[in-house]
């Protein structure tokens, strides 16, 4: 069931900041989109390693454990993956006990347009171009 997020502290996070996708990025760069897609689908049940922002997100979501009634924290996964290849990220967040119920799989598109739509207070990504684009559009990112 959907619930309003306008009164929550919302962090948007890219899948490459939440999970270690270095190997997968190399496959994409060296072999292309189709090889990347096949690899992700073939490994959809293999849990991804923890990315650079994983510890922060885990602790940030733990605030909801203290404020059980209010649940003031929301994390939204913003991924350039397609829904098909994003299954692995969703399975990995579930495996790690991350209470992330919202995700956008943009099939290569940019996350920037989704920042105001989801009331995102901070967007975290490893992609420097996305950080610059967000900052240039007046959105907080790092």
Protein backbone atom coordinates (compact mmCIF):
# COMPACT_ATOMS: atom_id res chain seq x y z
CA UNK A 1 0.00 0.00 0.00
CA UNK A 2 1.34 3.43 -0.96
CA UNK A 3 1.73 6.07 1.72
CA UNK A 4 2.57 9.78 1.53
CA UNK A 5 6.21 10.77 1.73
CA UNK A 6 5.82 14.55 1.83
CA UNK A 7 6.53 14.69 5.58
CA UNK A 8 9.46 12.26 5.54
CA UNK A 9 13.19 12.78 5.19
CA UNK A 10 13.81 11.17 1.83
CA UNK A 11 17.17 10.06 0.43
CA UNK A 12 17.44 8.86 -3.13
CA UNK A 13 20.27 6.46 -3.84
CA UNK A 14 21.65 4.99 -7.02
CA UNK A 15 22.16 1.25 -7.18
CA UNK A 16 25.89 1.79 -7.81
CA UNK A 17 26.25 3.67 -4.51
CA UNK A 18 24.19 1.18 -2.51
CA UNK A 19 25.81 -1.92 -4.00
CA UNK A 20 29.22 -2.81 -5.41
CA UNK A 21 28.61 -2.98 -9.15
CA UNK A 22 32.23 -2.60 -10.29
CA UNK A 23 32.34 -6.01 -12.00
CA UNK A 24 29.00 -5.39 -13.67
CA UNK A 25 30.09 -1.93 -14.84
CA UNK A 26 33.17 -3.47 -16.44
CA UNK A 27 30.99 -5.96 -18.31
CA UNK A 28 28.85 -3.08 -19.54
CA UNK A 29 31.86 -1.01 -20.65
CA UNK A 30 33.76 -3.88 -22.28
CA UNK A 31 30.97 -6.02 -23.74
CA UNK A 32 27.97 -3.72 -24.04
CA UNK A 33 24.39 -3.51 -22.88
CA UNK A 34 23.22 -6.92 -24.05
CA UNK A 35 26.07 -8.76 -22.27
CA UNK A 36 25.39 -6.70 -19.14
CA UNK A 37 21.68 -7.47 -19.29
CA UNK A 38 22.33 -11.19 -19.74
CA UNK A 39 24.81 -11.23 -16.85
CA UNK A 40 22.39 -9.46 -14.49
CA UNK A 41 19.47 -11.72 -15.40
CA UNK A 42 21.62 -14.86 -15.13
CA UNK A 43 22.83 -13.71 -11.68
CA UNK A 44 19.56 -12.23 -10.37
CA UNK A 45 19.71 -14.42 -7.25
CA UNK A 46 23.37 -13.65 -6.50
CA UNK A 47 23.54 -11.05 -3.74
CA UNK A 48 25.47 -7.93 -4.66
CA UNK A 49 28.27 -6.72 -2.41
CA UNK A 50 27.82 -3.62 -0.30
CA UNK A 51 28.58 -0.31 -1.98
CA UNK A 52 30.17 2.83 -0.57
CA UNK A 53 26.89 4.25 0.76
CA UNK A 54 25.50 0.98 2.14
CA UNK A 55 26.62 1.52 5.78
CA UNK A 56 25.13 5.02 5.82
CA UNK A 57 21.80 3.87 4.37
CA UNK A 58 21.60 0.95 6.82
CA UNK A 59 22.14 3.31 9.78
CA UNK A 60 19.88 5.99 8.32
CA UNK A 61 16.99 3.53 7.96
CA UNK A 62 17.55 2.41 11.57
CA UNK A 63 16.11 5.75 12.70
CA UNK A 64 12.72 4.23 11.85
CA UNK A 65 13.38 1.56 14.51
CA UNK A 66 13.47 4.31 17.13
CA UNK A 67 10.47 6.22 15.78
CA UNK A 68 8.24 3.26 15.02
CA UNK A 69 4.99 5.22 14.83
CA UNK A 70 6.32 8.10 12.74
CA UNK A 71 8.65 6.18 10.39
CA UNK A 72 10.27 9.51 9.41
CA UNK A 73 12.88 8.06 7.03
CA UNK A 74 12.38 6.95 3.43
CA UNK A 75 15.02 5.70 1.00
CA UNK A 76 14.23 5.40 -2.69
CA UNK A 77 16.39 3.38 -5.07
CA UNK A 78 16.97 5.26 -8.33
CA UNK A 79 18.59 2.96 -10.85
CA UNK A 80 19.66 3.30 -14.48
CA UNK A 81 18.89 -0.42 -14.80
CA UNK A 82 15.80 -1.65 -16.54
CA UNK A 83 13.15 -3.33 -14.39
CA UNK A 84 14.43 -6.65 -15.78
CA UNK A 85 18.04 -6.09 -14.73
CA UNK A 86 17.03 -4.27 -11.54
CA UNK A 87 15.65 -7.46 -10.01
CA UNK A 88 19.13 -8.27 -8.70
CA UNK A 89 19.39 -4.97 -6.81
CA UNK A 90 15.93 -5.47 -5.32
CA UNK A 91 16.78 -9.04 -4.30
CA UNK A 92 20.02 -7.78 -2.73
CA UNK A 93 18.30 -5.06 -0.71
CA UNK A 94 15.79 -7.64 0.54
CA UNK A 95 18.61 -10.06 1.47
CA UNK A 96 20.34 -7.31 3.46
CA UNK A 97 17.18 -6.33 5.32
CA UNK A 98 16.97 -2.84 3.88
CA UNK A 99 13.47 -1.42 4.23
CA UNK A 100 13.34 0.17 0.79
CA UNK A 101 9.92 -0.18 -0.77
CA UNK A 102 10.15 2.36 -3.59
CA UNK A 103 12.37 2.14 -6.62
CA UNK A 104 12.58 3.63 -10.08
CA UNK A 105 14.27 1.65 -12.84
CA UNK A 106 14.99 4.17 -15.60
CA UNK A 107 16.40 1.91 -18.33
CA UNK A 108 19.41 4.16 -18.84
CA UNK A 109 17.64 7.45 -18.10
CA UNK A 110 18.62 10.10 -15.60
CA UNK A 111 17.47 10.21 -12.00
CA UNK A 112 17.44 13.99 -11.86
CA UNK A 113 13.80 14.41 -12.95
CA UNK A 114 12.66 12.12 -10.14
CA UNK A 115 14.29 14.08 -7.31
CA UNK A 116 11.53 16.69 -6.88
CA UNK A 117 8.77 14.19 -7.70
CA UNK A 118 9.77 12.04 -4.71
CA UNK A 119 10.52 14.94 -2.37
CA UNK A 120 14.15 13.77 -2.18
CA UNK A 121 16.25 15.77 0.29
CA UNK A 122 19.56 14.25 -0.86
CA UNK A 123 20.55 12.14 -3.86
CA UNK A 124 23.58 9.85 -3.42
CA UNK A 125 25.40 8.34 -6.38
CA UNK A 126 28.89 7.34 -7.50
CA UNK A 127 28.26 8.93 -10.91
CA UNK A 128 29.97 12.32 -10.97
CA UNK A 129 27.96 13.48 -14.00
CA UNK A 130 24.70 12.80 -12.14
CA UNK A 131 25.95 14.74 -9.12
CA UNK A 132 26.86 17.72 -11.32
CA UNK A 133 23.55 17.57 -13.20
CA UNK A 134 21.59 17.45 -9.94
CA UNK A 135 23.52 20.36 -8.43
CA UNK A 136 23.13 22.41 -11.61
CA UNK A 137 19.38 21.87 -11.47
CA UNK A 138 19.31 23.02 -7.84
CA UNK A 139 18.93 19.57 -6.29
CA UNK A 140 21.14 18.38 -3.39
CA UNK A 141 23.44 15.53 -4.39
CA UNK A 142 26.73 13.91 -3.55
